[in-house]
């Protein structure tokens, strides 16, 4: 999936920054970071979809109201 790939690329970039600074972290920490990033992406997507669903709900009510008063 694209978000998984994106999360892994972000974790890999963070690893590069850590290593350039002369530090190291265990591999498990980078795996955990990728999971946290992916979870963050998922949260944003779900929140956006909820807003879209709310807008569709408002639009459907508007269409129903217009249909009731159609001449």
C-alpha atoms as a PDB file:
ATOM      1  CA  UNK A   1       0.000   0.000   0.000  1.00  0.00           C
ATOM      2  CA  UNK A   2       1.163   3.515  -0.661  1.00  0.00           C
ATOM      3  CA  UNK A   3       0.844   4.741   2.913  1.00  0.00           C
ATOM      4  CA  UNK A   4       2.927   1.831   4.208  1.00  0.00           C
ATOM      5  CA  UNK A   5       5.640   2.585   1.657  1.00  0.00           C
ATOM      6  CA  UNK A   6       5.483   6.257   2.525  1.00  0.00           C
ATOM      7  CA  UNK A   7       5.767   5.540   6.256  1.00  0.00           C
ATOM      8  CA  UNK A   8       8.762   3.275   5.667  1.00  0.00           C
ATOM      9  CA  UNK A   9      10.457   5.928   3.526  1.00  0.00           C
ATOM     10  CA  UNK A  10       9.917   8.527   6.228  1.00  0.00           C
ATOM     11  CA  UNK A  11      11.389   6.194   8.873  1.00  0.00           C
ATOM     12  CA  UNK A  12      14.353   5.477   6.581  1.00  0.00           C
ATOM     13  CA  UNK A  13      14.938   9.196   6.115  1.00  0.00           C
ATOM     14  CA  UNK A  14      14.851   9.665   9.885  1.00  0.00           C
ATOM     15  CA  UNK A  15      17.398   6.836  10.214  1.00  0.00           C
ATOM     16  CA  UNK A  16      19.669   8.680   7.780  1.00  0.00           C
ATOM     17  CA  UNK A  17      19.426  11.853   9.834  1.00  0.00           C
ATOM     18  CA  UNK A  18      20.192   9.965  13.039  1.00  0.00           C
ATOM     19  CA  UNK A  19      23.174   8.203  11.484  1.00  0.00           C
ATOM     20  CA  UNK A  20      24.541  11.411   9.935  1.00  0.00           C
ATOM     21  CA  UNK A  21      24.439  12.912  13.422  1.00  0.00           C
ATOM     22  CA  UNK A  22      26.579   9.988  14.591  1.00  0.00           C
ATOM     23  CA  UNK A  23      23.906   8.177  16.566  1.00  0.00           C
ATOM     24  CA  UNK A  24      22.257   4.784  16.284  1.00  0.00           C
ATOM     25  CA  UNK A  25      18.984   3.280  17.371  1.00  0.00           C
ATOM     26  CA  UNK A  26      17.868  -0.346  17.453  1.00  0.00           C
ATOM     27  CA  UNK A  27      16.091  -1.618  14.334  1.00  0.00           C
ATOM     28  CA  UNK A  28      12.886  -2.148  16.342  1.00  0.00           C
ATOM     29  CA  UNK A  29      12.674   1.600  16.979  1.00  0.00           C
ATOM     30  CA  UNK A  30      12.618   2.350  13.265  1.00  0.00           C
ATOM     31  CA  UNK A  31       9.953  -0.317  12.733  1.00  0.00           C
ATOM     32  CA  UNK A  32       7.890   1.249  15.516  1.00  0.00           C
ATOM     33  CA  UNK A  33       8.383   4.697  13.995  1.00  0.00           C
ATOM     34  CA  UNK A  34       7.100   3.445  10.635  1.00  0.00           C
ATOM     35  CA  UNK A  35       4.008   1.999  12.362  1.00  0.00           C
ATOM     36  CA  UNK A  36       3.377   5.258  14.200  1.00  0.00           C
ATOM     37  CA  UNK A  37       3.695   7.242  10.980  1.00  0.00           C
ATOM     38  CA  UNK A  38       1.320   4.884   9.185  1.00  0.00           C
ATOM     39  CA  UNK A  39      -1.186   5.136  12.046  1.00  0.00           C
ATOM     40  CA  UNK A  40      -0.978   8.921  11.818  1.00  0.00           C
ATOM     41  CA  UNK A  41      -1.632   8.812   8.087  1.00  0.00           C
ATOM     42  CA  UNK A  42      -4.598   6.492   8.646  1.00  0.00           C
ATOM     43  CA  UNK A  43      -6.043   8.847  11.261  1.00  0.00           C
ATOM     44  CA  UNK A  44      -5.852  11.822   8.920  1.00  0.00           C
ATOM     45  CA  UNK A  45      -7.466   9.846   6.096  1.00  0.00           C
ATOM     46  CA  UNK A  46     -10.344   8.679   8.307  1.00  0.00           C
ATOM     47  CA  UNK A  47     -10.938  12.211   9.600  1.00  0.00           C
ATOM     48  CA  UNK A  48     -11.018  13.500   6.033  1.00  0.00           C
ATOM     49  CA  UNK A  49     -13.428  10.761   4.943  1.00  0.00           C
ATOM     50  CA  UNK A  50     -15.731  11.637   7.845  1.00  0.00           C
ATOM     51  CA  UNK A  51     -15.826  15.250   6.635  1.00  0.00           C
ATOM     52  CA  UNK A  52     -16.600  14.074   3.103  1.00  0.00           C
ATOM     53  CA  UNK A  53     -19.374  11.818   4.435  1.00  0.00           C
ATOM     54  CA  UNK A  54     -20.846  14.744   6.397  1.00  0.00           C
ATOM     55  CA  UNK A  55     -20.795  16.905   3.275  1.00  0.00           C
ATOM     56  CA  UNK A  56     -22.484  14.167   1.226  1.00  0.00           C
ATOM     57  CA  UNK A  57     -25.136  13.845   3.924  1.00  0.00           C
ATOM     58  CA  UNK A  58     -25.821  17.599   3.779  1.00  0.00           C
ATOM     59  CA  UNK A  59     -25.965  17.459  -0.011  1.00  0.00           C
ATOM     60  CA  UNK A  60     -28.404  14.541  -0.013  1.00  0.00           C
ATOM     61  CA  UNK A  61     -30.714  16.383   2.382  1.00  0.00           C
ATOM     62  CA  UNK A  62     -30.538  19.428   0.124  1.00  0.00           C
ATOM     63  CA  UNK A  63     -31.473  17.336  -2.913  1.00  0.00           C
ATOM     64  CA  UNK A  64     -34.412  15.786  -1.029  1.00  0.00           C
ATOM     65  CA  UNK A  65     -35.654  19.206   0.030  1.00  0.00           C
ATOM     66  CA  UNK A  66     -35.423  20.543  -3.526  1.00  0.00           C
ATOM     67  CA  UNK A  67     -37.241  17.467  -4.860  1.00  0.00           C
ATOM     68  CA  UNK A  68     -40.118  18.053  -2.437  1.00  0.00           C
ATOM     69  CA  UNK A  69     -40.654  21.575  -3.743  1.00  0.00           C
ATOM     70  CA  UNK A  70     -39.993  20.846  -7.431  1.00  0.00           C
ATOM     71  CA  UNK A  71     -42.674  22.349  -9.645  1.00  0.00           C
END
